[in-house]
Amino acid sequence: MKNSGGFFGAFWFAGWLFTIGYANLVWWKIILGIVVWPFYLGDAVLQIQL
């Protein structure tokens, strides 16, 4: 059995860092974004389309 946890962790960390920069989050949303960064990224993208 192969362990793919390293790749998933790196992907999650990269997504979190990208979201911080792209969505210009305040400090408490950055901390919350560790868990829910896809929500903040989607919210930022939706605001561009409107």
N, C-alpha and C. Protein backbone atom coordinates (compact mmCIF):
# COMPACT_ATOMS: atom_id res chain seq x y z
N MET A 1 0.84 -1.18 0.00
CA MET A 1 0.00 0.00 0.00
C MET A 1 0.89 1.24 0.00
N LYS A 2 0.60 2.17 -0.88
CA LYS A 2 1.38 3.40 -0.99
C LYS A 2 0.79 4.49 -0.10
N ASN A 3 1.64 5.29 0.45
CA ASN A 3 1.21 6.40 1.29
C ASN A 3 1.21 7.67 0.46
N SER A 4 0.04 8.23 0.21
CA SER A 4 -0.07 9.45 -0.59
C SER A 4 -0.38 10.66 0.28
N GLY A 5 -0.22 10.54 1.59
CA GLY A 5 -0.52 11.64 2.50
C GLY A 5 0.38 12.85 2.30
N GLY A 6 1.61 12.64 1.89
CA GLY A 6 2.53 13.74 1.67
C GLY A 6 2.07 14.64 0.52
N PHE A 7 1.60 14.04 -0.55
CA PHE A 7 1.11 14.82 -1.68
C PHE A 7 -0.14 15.59 -1.31
N PHE A 8 -1.07 14.94 -0.63
CA PHE A 8 -2.31 15.59 -0.24
C PHE A 8 -2.04 16.75 0.70
N GLY A 9 -1.15 16.57 1.64
CA GLY A 9 -0.79 17.64 2.57
C GLY A 9 -0.16 18.82 1.86
N ALA A 10 0.71 18.55 0.91
CA ALA A 10 1.36 19.62 0.15
C ALA A 10 0.34 20.36 -0.72
N PHE A 11 -0.60 19.63 -1.31
CA PHE A 11 -1.64 20.24 -2.12
C PHE A 11 -2.52 21.14 -1.25
N TRP A 12 -2.88 20.66 -0.06
CA TRP A 12 -3.73 21.43 0.84
C TRP A 12 -3.01 22.71 1.29
N PHE A 13 -1.74 22.61 1.63
CA PHE A 13 -0.95 23.77 2.07
C PHE A 13 -0.81 24.78 0.93
N ALA A 14 -0.54 24.31 -0.27
CA ALA A 14 -0.41 25.22 -1.42
C ALA A 14 -1.74 25.91 -1.71
N GLY A 15 -2.83 25.19 -1.62
CA GLY A 15 -4.15 25.80 -1.83
C GLY A 15 -4.46 26.84 -0.78
N TRP A 16 -4.09 26.58 0.45
CA TRP A 16 -4.31 27.52 1.54
C TRP A 16 -3.50 28.80 1.31
N LEU A 17 -2.25 28.67 0.96
CA LEU A 17 -1.41 29.85 0.70
C LEU A 17 -1.93 30.65 -0.49
N PHE A 18 -2.34 29.97 -1.55
CA PHE A 18 -2.88 30.66 -2.71
C PHE A 18 -4.15 31.43 -2.35
N THR A 19 -5.01 30.81 -1.56
CA THR A 19 -6.26 31.45 -1.17
C THR A 19 -6.01 32.69 -0.32
N ILE A 20 -5.05 32.63 0.57
CA ILE A 20 -4.71 33.80 1.39
C ILE A 20 -4.34 34.98 0.49
N GLY A 21 -3.50 34.74 -0.48
CA GLY A 21 -3.07 35.81 -1.37
C GLY A 21 -4.15 36.27 -2.33
N TYR A 22 -4.93 35.35 -2.85
CA TYR A 22 -5.92 35.67 -3.86
C TYR A 22 -7.14 36.37 -3.29
N ALA A 23 -7.60 35.93 -2.13
CA ALA A 23 -8.84 36.46 -1.55
C ALA A 23 -8.61 37.62 -0.58
N ASN A 24 -7.34 37.96 -0.31
CA ASN A 24 -7.01 39.04 0.62
C ASN A 24 -7.77 38.91 1.94
N LEU A 25 -7.57 37.79 2.62
CA LEU A 25 -8.29 37.49 3.85
C LEU A 25 -7.69 38.22 5.05
N VAL A 26 -8.53 38.54 6.02
CA VAL A 26 -8.06 39.10 7.28
C VAL A 26 -7.54 37.96 8.15
N TRP A 27 -6.84 38.29 9.24
CA TRP A 27 -6.10 37.28 10.00
C TRP A 27 -6.99 36.16 10.54
N TRP A 28 -8.19 36.47 11.01
CA TRP A 28 -9.02 35.40 11.58
C TRP A 28 -9.59 34.50 10.49
N LYS A 29 -9.79 35.05 9.30
CA LYS A 29 -10.24 34.21 8.18
C LYS A 29 -9.10 33.35 7.66
N ILE A 30 -7.87 33.83 7.81
CA ILE A 30 -6.71 33.03 7.42
C ILE A 30 -6.62 31.78 8.29
N ILE A 31 -6.82 31.97 9.60
CA ILE A 31 -6.78 30.82 10.51
C ILE A 31 -7.93 29.87 10.21
N LEU A 32 -9.13 30.39 10.03
CA LEU A 32 -10.28 29.56 9.69
C LEU A 32 -10.08 28.90 8.32
N GLY A 33 -9.40 29.59 7.43
CA GLY A 33 -9.16 29.07 6.09
C GLY A 33 -8.27 27.85 6.03
N ILE A 34 -7.57 27.53 7.12
CA ILE A 34 -6.78 26.30 7.16
C ILE A 34 -7.70 25.10 6.89
N VAL A 35 -8.91 25.19 7.40
CA VAL A 35 -9.84 24.08 7.26
C VAL A 35 -10.74 24.26 6.04
N VAL A 36 -11.20 25.48 5.78
CA VAL A 36 -12.22 25.70 4.74
C VAL A 36 -11.74 26.61 3.61
N TRP A 37 -10.48 26.50 3.20
CA TRP A 37 -9.98 27.39 2.14
C TRP A 37 -10.73 27.24 0.82
N PRO A 38 -11.27 26.07 0.46
CA PRO A 38 -12.02 26.02 -0.81
C PRO A 38 -13.24 26.94 -0.81
N PHE A 39 -13.88 27.12 0.35
CA PHE A 39 -15.02 28.02 0.44
C PHE A 39 -14.59 29.46 0.15
N TYR A 40 -13.51 29.92 0.76
CA TYR A 40 -13.06 31.29 0.55
C TYR A 40 -12.59 31.51 -0.89
N LEU A 41 -11.95 30.52 -1.48
CA LEU A 41 -11.52 30.63 -2.87
C LEU A 41 -12.72 30.72 -3.79
N GLY A 42 -13.72 29.89 -3.57
CA GLY A 42 -14.93 29.93 -4.39
C GLY A 42 -15.67 31.24 -4.23
N ASP A 43 -15.71 31.77 -3.01
CA ASP A 43 -16.36 33.05 -2.76
C ASP A 43 -15.65 34.18 -3.51
N ALA A 44 -14.33 34.17 -3.51
CA ALA A 44 -13.57 35.20 -4.20
C ALA A 44 -13.77 35.12 -5.72
N VAL A 45 -13.82 33.90 -6.25
CA VAL A 45 -14.03 33.73 -7.69
C VAL A 45 -15.43 34.18 -8.10
N LEU A 46 -16.43 33.88 -7.29
CA LEU A 46 -17.79 34.30 -7.60
C LEU A 46 -17.94 35.83 -7.62
N GLN A 47 -17.21 36.51 -6.78
CA GLN A 47 -17.28 37.97 -6.75
C GLN A 47 -16.68 38.58 -8.01
N ILE A 48 -15.75 37.90 -8.63
CA ILE A 48 -15.17 38.40 -9.87
C ILE A 48 -16.19 38.32 -11.00
N GLN A 49 -16.97 37.25 -11.05
CA GLN A 49 -17.92 37.05 -12.13
C GLN A 49 -19.12 37.98 -12.02
N LEU A 50 -19.39 38.53 -10.85
CA LEU A 50 -20.56 39.39 -10.69
C LEU A 50 -20.30 40.80 -11.07
